[in-house]
Amino acid sequence: MNGEVFKALASPVRREILSRLSHGDLNAGQIADGFDISKPSISNHLAILKRAGLISDERDGRTIVYHLNETIFQELMKWLIDFSDAQAREKRS
């Protein structure tokens, strides 16, 4: 896990994209539905999420389908738990 993960998670739009993908794989058009931003902007957000390793894509004919990279979320959760535990230990001492 790198700093790009936290940078990617800083955007409310990207967090909403991740939320939508948590329900299943989607193509860019399906992801863009319901957002009041341009498709090129959605594509930029998808590229940032992909660079951070939070999502991956797969070509299905002429369509690109996006899905969550669950491994990175498991690493993030482990880091958050370890961080929380360290903070709790620090407060007790």
PDB file of N, CA and C in Angstrom:
ATOM      1  N   MET A   1       0.855  -1.171   0.000  1.00  0.00           N
ATOM      2  CA  MET A   1       0.000   0.000   0.000  1.00  0.00           C
ATOM      3  C   MET A   1       0.900   1.232   0.000  1.00  0.00           C
ATOM      4  N   ASN A   2       0.547   2.209  -0.829  1.00  0.00           N
ATOM      5  CA  ASN A   2       1.382   3.403  -0.939  1.00  0.00           C
ATOM      6  C   ASN A   2       0.542   4.666  -0.745  1.00  0.00           C
ATOM      7  N   GLY A   3       1.208   5.811  -0.803  1.00  0.00           N
ATOM      8  CA  GLY A   3       0.529   7.087  -0.619  1.00  0.00           C
ATOM      9  C   GLY A   3      -0.526   7.369  -1.664  1.00  0.00           C
ATOM     10  N   GLU A   4      -0.394   6.739  -2.824  1.00  0.00           N
ATOM     11  CA  GLU A   4      -1.389   6.928  -3.881  1.00  0.00           C
ATOM     12  C   GLU A   4      -2.771   6.453  -3.436  1.00  0.00           C
ATOM     13  N   VAL A   5      -2.809   5.458  -2.569  1.00  0.00           N
ATOM     14  CA  VAL A   5      -4.092   4.942  -2.074  1.00  0.00           C
ATOM     15  C   VAL A   5      -4.831   6.043  -1.326  1.00  0.00           C
ATOM     16  N   PHE A   6      -4.141   6.716  -0.417  1.00  0.00           N
ATOM     17  CA  PHE A   6      -4.790   7.759   0.374  1.00  0.00           C
ATOM     18  C   PHE A   6      -5.160   8.957  -0.489  1.00  0.00           C
ATOM     19  N   LYS A   7      -4.319   9.278  -1.450  1.00  0.00           N
ATOM     20  CA  LYS A   7      -4.626  10.362  -2.386  1.00  0.00           C
ATOM     21  C   LYS A   7      -5.897  10.020  -3.166  1.00  0.00           C
ATOM     22  N   ALA A   8      -5.993   8.792  -3.626  1.00  0.00           N
ATOM     23  CA  ALA A   8      -7.170   8.369  -4.390  1.00  0.00           C
ATOM     24  C   ALA A   8      -8.428   8.404  -3.532  1.00  0.00           C
ATOM     25  N   LEU A   9      -8.294   8.028  -2.271  1.00  0.00           N
ATOM     26  CA  LEU A   9      -9.453   7.998  -1.372  1.00  0.00           C
ATOM     27  C   LEU A   9      -9.884   9.392  -0.915  1.00  0.00           C
ATOM     28  N   ALA A  10      -9.076  10.408  -1.168  1.00  0.00           N
ATOM     29  CA  ALA A  10      -9.394  11.765  -0.721  1.00  0.00           C
ATOM     30  C   ALA A  10     -10.576  12.376  -1.472  1.00  0.00           C
ATOM     31  N   SER A  11     -10.873  11.872  -2.642  1.00  0.00           N
ATOM     32  CA  SER A  11     -11.939  12.447  -3.464  1.00  0.00           C
ATOM     33  C   SER A  11     -13.288  11.795  -3.177  1.00  0.00           C
ATOM     34  N   PRO A  12     -14.323  12.598  -2.884  1.00  0.00           N
ATOM     35  CA  PRO A  12     -15.664  12.034  -2.680  1.00  0.00           C
ATOM     36  C   PRO A  12     -16.179  11.296  -3.918  1.00  0.00           C
ATOM     37  N   VAL A  13     -15.835  11.791  -5.101  1.00  0.00           N
ATOM     38  CA  VAL A  13     -16.274  11.121  -6.333  1.00  0.00           C
ATOM     39  C   VAL A  13     -15.648   9.737  -6.414  1.00  0.00           C
ATOM     40  N   ARG A  14     -14.357   9.643  -6.138  1.00  0.00           N
ATOM     41  CA  ARG A  14     -13.692   8.337  -6.208  1.00  0.00           C
ATOM     42  C   ARG A  14     -14.207   7.392  -5.129  1.00  0.00           C
ATOM     43  N   ARG A  15     -14.511   7.918  -3.950  1.00  0.00           N
ATOM     44  CA  ARG A  15     -15.089   7.053  -2.909  1.00  0.00           C
ATOM     45  C   ARG A  15     -16.458   6.539  -3.344  1.00  0.00           C
ATOM     46  N   GLU A  16     -17.238   7.372  -4.026  1.00  0.00           N
ATOM     47  CA  GLU A  16     -18.549   6.927  -4.523  1.00  0.00           C
ATOM     48  C   GLU A  16     -18.380   5.874  -5.616  1.00  0.00           C
ATOM     49  N   ILE A  17     -17.399   6.048  -6.483  1.00  0.00           N
ATOM     50  CA  ILE A  17     -17.120   5.031  -7.511  1.00  0.00           C
ATOM     51  C   ILE A  17     -16.793   3.702  -6.837  1.00  0.00           C
ATOM     52  N   LEU A  18     -15.949   3.737  -5.817  1.00  0.00           N
ATOM     53  CA  LEU A  18     -15.597   2.512  -5.094  1.00  0.00           C
ATOM     54  C   LEU A  18     -16.826   1.892  -4.445  1.00  0.00           C
ATOM     55  N   SER A  19     -17.685   2.727  -3.903  1.00  0.00           N
ATOM     56  CA  SER A  19     -18.916   2.229  -3.289  1.00  0.00           C
ATOM     57  C   SER A  19     -19.777   1.509  -4.318  1.00  0.00           C
ATOM     58  N   ARG A  20     -19.908   2.092  -5.493  1.00  0.00           N
ATOM     59  CA  ARG A  20     -20.704   1.457  -6.557  1.00  0.00           C
ATOM     60  C   ARG A  20     -20.078   0.134  -6.987  1.00  0.00           C
ATOM     61  N   LEU A  21     -18.748   0.110  -7.080  1.00  0.00           N
ATOM     62  CA  LEU A  21     -18.071  -1.123  -7.481  1.00  0.00           C
ATOM     63  C   LEU A  21     -18.122  -2.189  -6.390  1.00  0.00           C
ATOM     64  N   SER A  22     -18.382  -1.783  -5.162  1.00  0.00           N
ATOM     65  CA  SER A  22     -18.478  -2.773  -4.080  1.00  0.00           C
ATOM     66  C   SER A  22     -19.699  -3.669  -4.252  1.00  0.00           C
ATOM     67  N   HIS A  23     -20.635  -3.236  -5.091  1.00  0.00           N
ATOM     68  CA  HIS A  23     -21.839  -4.031  -5.353  1.00  0.00           C
ATOM     69  C   HIS A  23     -21.684  -4.925  -6.574  1.00  0.00           C
ATOM     70  N   GLY A  24     -20.572  -4.774  -7.292  1.00  0.00           N
ATOM     71  CA  GLY A  24     -20.335  -5.617  -8.458  1.00  0.00           C
ATOM     72  C   GLY A  24     -19.591  -4.863  -9.546  1.00  0.00           C
ATOM     73  N   ASP A  25     -19.105  -5.607 -10.509  1.00  0.00           N
ATOM     74  CA  ASP A  25     -18.337  -5.040 -11.609  1.00  0.00           C
ATOM     75  C   ASP A  25     -19.221  -4.149 -12.479  1.00  0.00           C
ATOM     76  N   LEU A  26     -18.633  -3.062 -12.997  1.00  0.00           N
ATOM     77  CA  LEU A  26     -19.358  -2.112 -13.835  1.00  0.00           C
ATOM     78  C   LEU A  26     -18.450  -1.610 -14.946  1.00  0.00           C
ATOM     79  N   ASN A  27     -19.060  -1.218 -16.068  1.00  0.00           N
ATOM     80  CA  ASN A  27     -18.279  -0.548 -17.101  1.00  0.00           C
ATOM     81  C   ASN A  27     -18.320   0.958 -16.851  1.00  0.00           C
ATOM     82  N   ALA A  28     -17.535   1.714 -17.605  1.00  0.00           N
ATOM     83  CA  ALA A  28     -17.417   3.156 -17.357  1.00  0.00           C
ATOM     84  C   ALA A  28     -18.755   3.870 -17.494  1.00  0.00           C
ATOM     85  N   GLY A  29     -19.563   3.477 -18.465  1.00  0.00           N
ATOM     86  CA  GLY A  29     -20.872   4.101 -18.645  1.00  0.00           C
ATOM     87  C   GLY A  29     -21.775   3.878 -17.452  1.00  0.00           C
ATOM     88  N   GLN A  30     -21.763   2.663 -16.929  1.00  0.00           N
ATOM     89  CA  GLN A  30     -22.572   2.356 -15.747  1.00  0.00           C
ATOM     90  C   GLN A  30     -22.075   3.140 -14.535  1.00  0.00           C
ATOM     91  N   ILE A  31     -20.780   3.278 -14.419  1.00  0.00           N
ATOM     92  CA  ILE A  31     -20.211   4.046 -13.310  1.00  0.00           C
ATOM     93  C   ILE A  31     -20.605   5.514 -13.443  1.00  0.00           C
ATOM     94  N   ALA A  32     -20.559   6.046 -14.659  1.00  0.00           N
ATOM     95  CA  ALA A  32     -20.848   7.467 -14.893  1.00  0.00           C
ATOM     96  C   ALA A  32     -22.311   7.817 -14.637  1.00  0.00           C
ATOM     97  N   ASP A  33     -23.225   6.854 -14.813  1.00  0.00           N
ATOM     98  CA  ASP A  33     -24.649   7.119 -14.594  1.00  0.00           C
ATOM     99  C   ASP A  33     -24.873   7.660 -13.188  1.00  0.00           C
ATOM    100  N   GLY A  34     -25.579   8.757 -13.094  1.00  0.00           N
ATOM    101  CA  GLY A  34     -25.899   9.331 -11.796  1.00  0.00           C
ATOM    102  C   GLY A  34     -24.918  10.379 -11.313  1.00  0.00           C
ATOM    103  N   PHE A  35     -23.767  10.484 -11.970  1.00  0.00           N
ATOM    104  CA  PHE A  35     -22.816  11.542 -11.629  1.00  0.00           C
ATOM    105  C   PHE A  35     -23.109  12.758 -12.500  1.00  0.00           C
ATOM    106  N   ASP A  36     -22.945  13.925 -11.949  1.00  0.00           N
ATOM    107  CA  ASP A  36     -23.152  15.161 -12.701  1.00  0.00           C
ATOM    108  C   ASP A  36     -21.805  15.728 -13.148  1.00  0.00           C
ATOM    109  N   ILE A  37     -20.951  14.839 -13.666  1.00  0.00           N
ATOM    110  CA  ILE A  37     -19.654  15.259 -14.194  1.00  0.00           C
ATOM    111  C   ILE A  37     -19.445  14.570 -15.536  1.00  0.00           C
ATOM    112  N   SER A  38     -18.516  15.082 -16.313  1.00  0.00           N
ATOM    113  CA  SER A  38     -18.300  14.569 -17.664  1.00  0.00           C
ATOM    114  C   SER A  38     -17.703  13.160 -17.651  1.00  0.00           C
ATOM    115  N   LYS A  39     -17.909  12.456 -18.758  1.00  0.00           N
ATOM    116  CA  LYS A  39     -17.321  11.121 -18.888  1.00  0.00           C
ATOM    117  C   LYS A  39     -15.792  11.173 -18.881  1.00  0.00           C
ATOM    118  N   PRO A  40     -15.172  12.188 -19.517  1.00  0.00           N
ATOM    119  CA  PRO A  40     -13.711  12.275 -19.399  1.00  0.00           C
ATOM    120  C   PRO A  40     -13.246  12.440 -17.946  1.00  0.00           C
ATOM    121  N   SER A  41     -14.023  13.169 -17.150  1.00  0.00           N
ATOM    122  CA  SER A  41     -13.671  13.327 -15.738  1.00  0.00           C
ATOM    123  C   SER A  41     -13.781  11.988 -15.009  1.00  0.00           C
ATOM    124  N   ILE A  42     -14.832  11.228 -15.310  1.00  0.00           N
ATOM    125  CA  ILE A  42     -14.985   9.884 -14.724  1.00  0.00           C
ATOM    126  C   ILE A  42     -13.789   9.026 -15.120  1.00  0.00           C
ATOM    127  N   SER A  43     -13.400   9.095 -16.391  1.00  0.00           N
ATOM    128  CA  SER A  43     -12.246   8.316 -16.865  1.00  0.00           C
ATOM    129  C   SER A  43     -10.981   8.691 -16.102  1.00  0.00           C
ATOM    130  N   ASN A  44     -10.811   9.978 -15.820  1.00  0.00           N
ATOM    131  CA  ASN A  44      -9.653  10.432 -15.049  1.00  0.00           C
ATOM    132  C   ASN A  44      -9.691   9.854 -13.636  1.00  0.00           C
ATOM    133  N   HIS A  45     -10.856   9.883 -13.005  1.00  0.00           N
ATOM    134  CA  HIS A  45     -10.994   9.310 -11.661  1.00  0.00           C
ATOM    135  C   HIS A  45     -10.694   7.806 -11.684  1.00  0.00           C
ATOM    136  N   LEU A  46     -11.179   7.113 -12.710  1.00  0.00           N
ATOM    137  CA  LEU A  46     -10.914   5.674 -12.830  1.00  0.00           C
ATOM    138  C   LEU A  46      -9.414   5.414 -12.985  1.00  0.00           C
ATOM    139  N   ALA A  47      -8.742   6.255 -13.759  1.00  0.00           N
ATOM    140  CA  ALA A  47      -7.292   6.092 -13.956  1.00  0.00           C
ATOM    141  C   ALA A  47      -6.543   6.276 -12.632  1.00  0.00           C
ATOM    142  N   ILE A  48      -6.967   7.239 -11.823  1.00  0.00           N
ATOM    143  CA  ILE A  48      -6.324   7.473 -10.521  1.00  0.00           C
ATOM    144  C   ILE A  48      -6.545   6.274  -9.607  1.00  0.00           C
ATOM    145  N   LEU A  49      -7.768   5.754  -9.591  1.00  0.00           N
ATOM    146  CA  LEU A  49      -8.071   4.578  -8.764  1.00  0.00           C
ATOM    147  C   LEU A  49      -7.264   3.367  -9.221  1.00  0.00           C
ATOM    148  N   LYS A  50      -7.124   3.227 -10.527  1.00  0.00           N
ATOM    149  CA  LYS A  50      -6.361   2.102 -11.072  1.00  0.00           C
ATOM    150  C   LYS A  50      -4.877   2.239 -10.731  1.00  0.00           C
ATOM    151  N   ARG A  51      -4.329   3.448 -10.888  1.00  0.00           N
ATOM    152  CA  ARG A  51      -2.919   3.694 -10.558  1.00  0.00           C
ATOM    153  C   ARG A  51      -2.631   3.401  -9.088  1.00  0.00           C
ATOM    154  N   ALA A  52      -3.600   3.686  -8.236  1.00  0.00           N
ATOM    155  CA  ALA A  52      -3.444   3.434  -6.796  1.00  0.00           C
ATOM    156  C   ALA A  52      -3.608   1.956  -6.460  1.00  0.00           C
ATOM    157  N   GLY A  53      -4.056   1.167  -7.429  1.00  0.00           N
ATOM    158  CA  GLY A  53      -4.244  -0.261  -7.197  1.00  0.00           C
ATOM    159  C   GLY A  53      -5.571  -0.616  -6.552  1.00  0.00           C
ATOM    160  N   LEU A  54      -6.471   0.372  -6.427  1.00  0.00           N
ATOM    161  CA  LEU A  54      -7.759   0.119  -5.781  1.00  0.00           C
ATOM    162  C   LEU A  54      -8.743  -0.605  -6.688  1.00  0.00           C
ATOM    163  N   ILE A  55      -8.575  -0.433  -7.994  1.00  0.00           N
ATOM    164  CA  ILE A  55      -9.428  -1.130  -8.954  1.00  0.00           C
ATOM    165  C   ILE A  55      -8.549  -1.715 -10.055  1.00  0.00           C
ATOM    166  N   SER A  56      -9.128  -2.627 -10.778  1.00  0.00           N
ATOM    167  CA  SER A  56      -8.476  -3.136 -11.981  1.00  0.00           C
ATOM    168  C   SER A  56      -9.539  -3.205 -13.062  1.00  0.00           C
ATOM    169  N   ASP A  57      -9.092  -3.381 -14.282  1.00  0.00           N
ATOM    170  CA  ASP A  57     -10.045  -3.460 -15.382  1.00  0.00           C
ATOM    171  C   ASP A  57      -9.747  -4.666 -16.249  1.00  0.00           C
ATOM    172  N   GLU A  58     -10.742  -4.999 -17.028  1.00  0.00           N
ATOM    173  CA  GLU A  58     -10.652  -6.170 -17.891  1.00  0.00           C
ATOM    174  C   GLU A  58     -11.484  -5.875 -19.132  1.00  0.00           C
ATOM    175  N   ARG A  59     -10.928  -6.160 -20.280  1.00  0.00           N
ATOM    176  CA  ARG A  59     -11.652  -5.919 -21.522  1.00  0.00           C
ATOM    177  C   ARG A  59     -12.602  -7.083 -21.776  1.00  0.00           C
ATOM    178  N   ASP A  60     -13.845  -6.727 -22.098  1.00  0.00           N
ATOM    179  CA  ASP A  60     -14.874  -7.702 -22.460  1.00  0.00           C
ATOM    180  C   ASP A  60     -15.416  -7.271 -23.814  1.00  0.00           C
ATOM    181  N   GLY A  61     -14.772  -7.749 -24.872  1.00  0.00           N
ATOM    182  CA  GLY A  61     -15.128  -7.283 -26.211  1.00  0.00           C
ATOM    183  C   GLY A  61     -14.684  -5.839 -26.364  1.00  0.00           C
ATOM    184  N   ARG A  62     -15.645  -4.958 -26.657  1.00  0.00           N
ATOM    185  CA  ARG A  62     -15.337  -3.534 -26.820  1.00  0.00           C
ATOM    186  C   ARG A  62     -15.510  -2.752 -25.524  1.00  0.00           C
ATOM    187  N   THR A  63     -15.912  -3.424 -24.473  1.00  0.00           N
ATOM    188  CA  THR A  63     -16.202  -2.774 -23.199  1.00  0.00           C
ATOM    189  C   THR A  63     -15.104  -3.077 -22.186  1.00  0.00           C
ATOM    190  N   ILE A  64     -14.786  -2.083 -21.383  1.00  0.00           N
ATOM    191  CA  ILE A  64     -13.853  -2.283 -20.272  1.00  0.00           C
ATOM    192  C   ILE A  64     -14.673  -2.353 -18.996  1.00  0.00           C
ATOM    193  N   VAL A  65     -14.485  -3.429 -18.261  1.00  0.00           N
ATOM    194  CA  VAL A  65     -15.226  -3.653 -17.017  1.00  0.00           C
ATOM    195  C   VAL A  65     -14.266  -3.435 -15.848  1.00  0.00           C
ATOM    196  N   TYR A  66     -14.733  -2.686 -14.861  1.00  0.00           N
ATOM    197  CA  TYR A  66     -13.920  -2.351 -13.687  1.00  0.00           C
ATOM    198  C   TYR A  66     -14.383  -3.148 -12.480  1.00  0.00           C
ATOM    199  N   HIS A  67     -13.432  -3.545 -11.641  1.00  0.00           N
ATOM    200  CA  HIS A  67     -13.780  -4.219 -10.395  1.00  0.00           C
ATOM    201  C   HIS A  67     -12.778  -3.844  -9.304  1.00  0.00           C
ATOM    202  N   LEU A  68     -13.234  -4.014  -8.072  1.00  0.00           N
ATOM    203  CA  LEU A  68     -12.404  -3.676  -6.914  1.00  0.00           C
ATOM    204  C   LEU A  68     -11.248  -4.650  -6.775  1.00  0.00           C
ATOM    205  N   ASN A  69     -10.134  -4.145  -6.296  1.00  0.00           N
ATOM    206  CA  ASN A  69      -9.004  -4.979  -5.917  1.00  0.00           C
ATOM    207  C   ASN A  69      -9.138  -5.213  -4.411  1.00  0.00           C
ATOM    208  N   GLU A  70      -9.736  -6.313  -4.042  1.00  0.00           N
ATOM    209  CA  GLU A  70     -10.029  -6.571  -2.630  1.00  0.00           C
ATOM    210  C   GLU A  70      -8.767  -6.688  -1.780  1.00  0.00           C
ATOM    211  N   THR A  71      -7.670  -7.124  -2.365  1.00  0.00           N
ATOM    212  CA  THR A  71      -6.421  -7.276  -1.617  1.00  0.00           C
ATOM    213  C   THR A  71      -5.975  -5.950  -1.017  1.00  0.00           C
ATOM    214  N   ILE A  72      -6.063  -4.881  -1.789  1.00  0.00           N
ATOM    215  CA  ILE A  72      -5.617  -3.582  -1.286  1.00  0.00           C
ATOM    216  C   ILE A  72      -6.515  -3.117  -0.144  1.00  0.00           C
ATOM    217  N   PHE A  73      -7.811  -3.447  -0.207  1.00  0.00           N
ATOM    218  CA  PHE A  73      -8.717  -3.064   0.878  1.00  0.00           C
ATOM    219  C   PHE A  73      -8.428  -3.874   2.140  1.00  0.00           C
ATOM    220  N   GLN A  74      -8.034  -5.127   1.975  1.00  0.00           N
ATOM    221  CA  GLN A  74      -7.642  -5.932   3.134  1.00  0.00           C
ATOM    222  C   GLN A  74      -6.387  -5.348   3.777  1.00  0.00           C
ATOM    223  N   GLU A  75      -5.417  -4.934   2.955  1.00  0.00           N
ATOM    224  CA  GLU A  75      -4.202  -4.306   3.477  1.00  0.00           C
ATOM    225  C   GLU A  75      -4.534  -2.996   4.188  1.00  0.00           C
ATOM    226  N   LEU A  76      -5.444  -2.221   3.609  1.00  0.00           N
ATOM    227  CA  LEU A  76      -5.850  -0.953   4.219  1.00  0.00           C
ATOM    228  C   LEU A  76      -6.519  -1.191   5.568  1.00  0.00           C
ATOM    229  N   MET A  77      -7.398  -2.175   5.641  1.00  0.00           N
ATOM    230  CA  MET A  77      -8.068  -2.489   6.902  1.00  0.00           C
ATOM    231  C   MET A  77      -7.056  -2.943   7.954  1.00  0.00           C
ATOM    232  N   LYS A  78      -6.096  -3.769   7.556  1.00  0.00           N
ATOM    233  CA  LYS A  78      -5.068  -4.219   8.496  1.00  0.00           C
ATOM    234  C   LYS A  78      -4.274  -3.025   9.012  1.00  0.00           C
ATOM    235  N   TRP A  79      -3.909  -2.114   8.119  1.00  0.00           N
ATOM    236  CA  TRP A  79      -3.161  -0.933   8.527  1.00  0.00           C
ATOM    237  C   TRP A  79      -3.979  -0.095   9.506  1.00  0.00           C
ATOM    238  N   LEU A  80      -5.268   0.108   9.207  1.00  0.00           N
ATOM    239  CA  LEU A  80      -6.126   0.905  10.088  1.00  0.00           C
ATOM    240  C   LEU A  80      -6.257   0.265  11.471  1.00  0.00           C
ATOM    241  N   ILE A  81      -6.408  -1.050  11.506  1.00  0.00           N
ATOM    242  CA  ILE A  81      -6.514  -1.754  12.789  1.00  0.00           C
ATOM    243  C   ILE A  81      -5.206  -1.635  13.562  1.00  0.00           C
ATOM    244  N   ASP A  82      -4.079  -1.857  12.885  1.00  0.00           N
ATOM    245  CA  ASP A  82      -2.775  -1.728  13.543  1.00  0.00           C
ATOM    246  C   ASP A  82      -2.566  -0.304  14.058  1.00  0.00           C
ATOM    247  N   PHE A  83      -2.954   0.679  13.274  1.00  0.00           N
ATOM    248  CA  PHE A  83      -2.821   2.079  13.671  1.00  0.00           C
ATOM    249  C   PHE A  83      -3.683   2.362  14.894  1.00  0.00           C
ATOM    250  N   SER A  84      -4.910   1.888  14.860  1.00  0.00           N
ATOM    251  CA  SER A  84      -5.835   2.090  15.981  1.00  0.00           C
ATOM    252  C   SER A  84      -5.309   1.419  17.249  1.00  0.00           C
ATOM    253  N   ASP A  85      -4.801   0.202  17.105  1.00  0.00           N
ATOM    254  CA  ASP A  85      -4.239  -0.513  18.257  1.00  0.00           C
ATOM    255  C   ASP A  85      -3.042   0.241  18.839  1.00  0.00           C
ATOM    256  N   ALA A  86      -2.183   0.761  17.980  1.00  0.00           N
ATOM    257  CA  ALA A  86      -1.009   1.506  18.442  1.00  0.00           C
ATOM    258  C   ALA A  86      -1.436   2.769  19.184  1.00  0.00           C
ATOM    259  N   GLN A  87      -2.460   3.436  18.686  1.00  0.00           N
ATOM    260  CA  GLN A  87      -2.959   4.644  19.354  1.00  0.00           C
ATOM    261  C   GLN A  87      -3.539   4.301  20.723  1.00  0.00           C
ATOM    262  N   ALA A  88      -4.261   3.197  20.797  1.00  0.00           N
ATOM    263  CA  ALA A  88      -4.852   2.780  22.073  1.00  0.00           C
ATOM    264  C   ALA A  88      -3.758   2.433  23.081  1.00  0.00           C
ATOM    265  N   ARG A  89      -2.702   1.732  22.632  1.00  0.00           N
ATOM    266  CA  ARG A  89      -1.588   1.395  23.525  1.00  0.00           C
ATOM    267  C   ARG A  89      -0.894   2.661  24.016  1.00  0.00           C
ATOM    268  N   GLU A  90      -0.730   3.620  23.126  1.00  0.00           N
ATOM    269  CA  GLU A  90      -0.065   4.881  23.485  1.00  0.00           C
ATOM    270  C   GLU A  90      -0.871   5.623  24.551  1.00  0.00           C
ATOM    271  N   LYS A  91      -2.174   5.622  24.436  1.00  0.00           N
ATOM    272  CA  LYS A  91      -3.020   6.323  25.408  1.00  0.00           C
ATOM    273  C   LYS A  91      -2.974   5.651  26.773  1.00  0.00           C
ATOM    274  N   ARG A  92      -2.815   4.321  26.777  1.00  0.00           N
ATOM    275  CA  ARG A  92      -2.770   3.582  28.050  1.00  0.00           C
ATOM    276  C   ARG A  92      -1.446   3.779  28.783  1.00  0.00           C
ATOM    277  N   SER A  93      -0.390   4.108  28.049  1.00  0.00           N
ATOM    278  CA  SER A  93       0.919   4.221  28.714  1.00  0.00           C
ATOM    279  C   SER A  93       1.214   5.620  29.184  1.00  0.00           C
TER     280      SER A  93
END
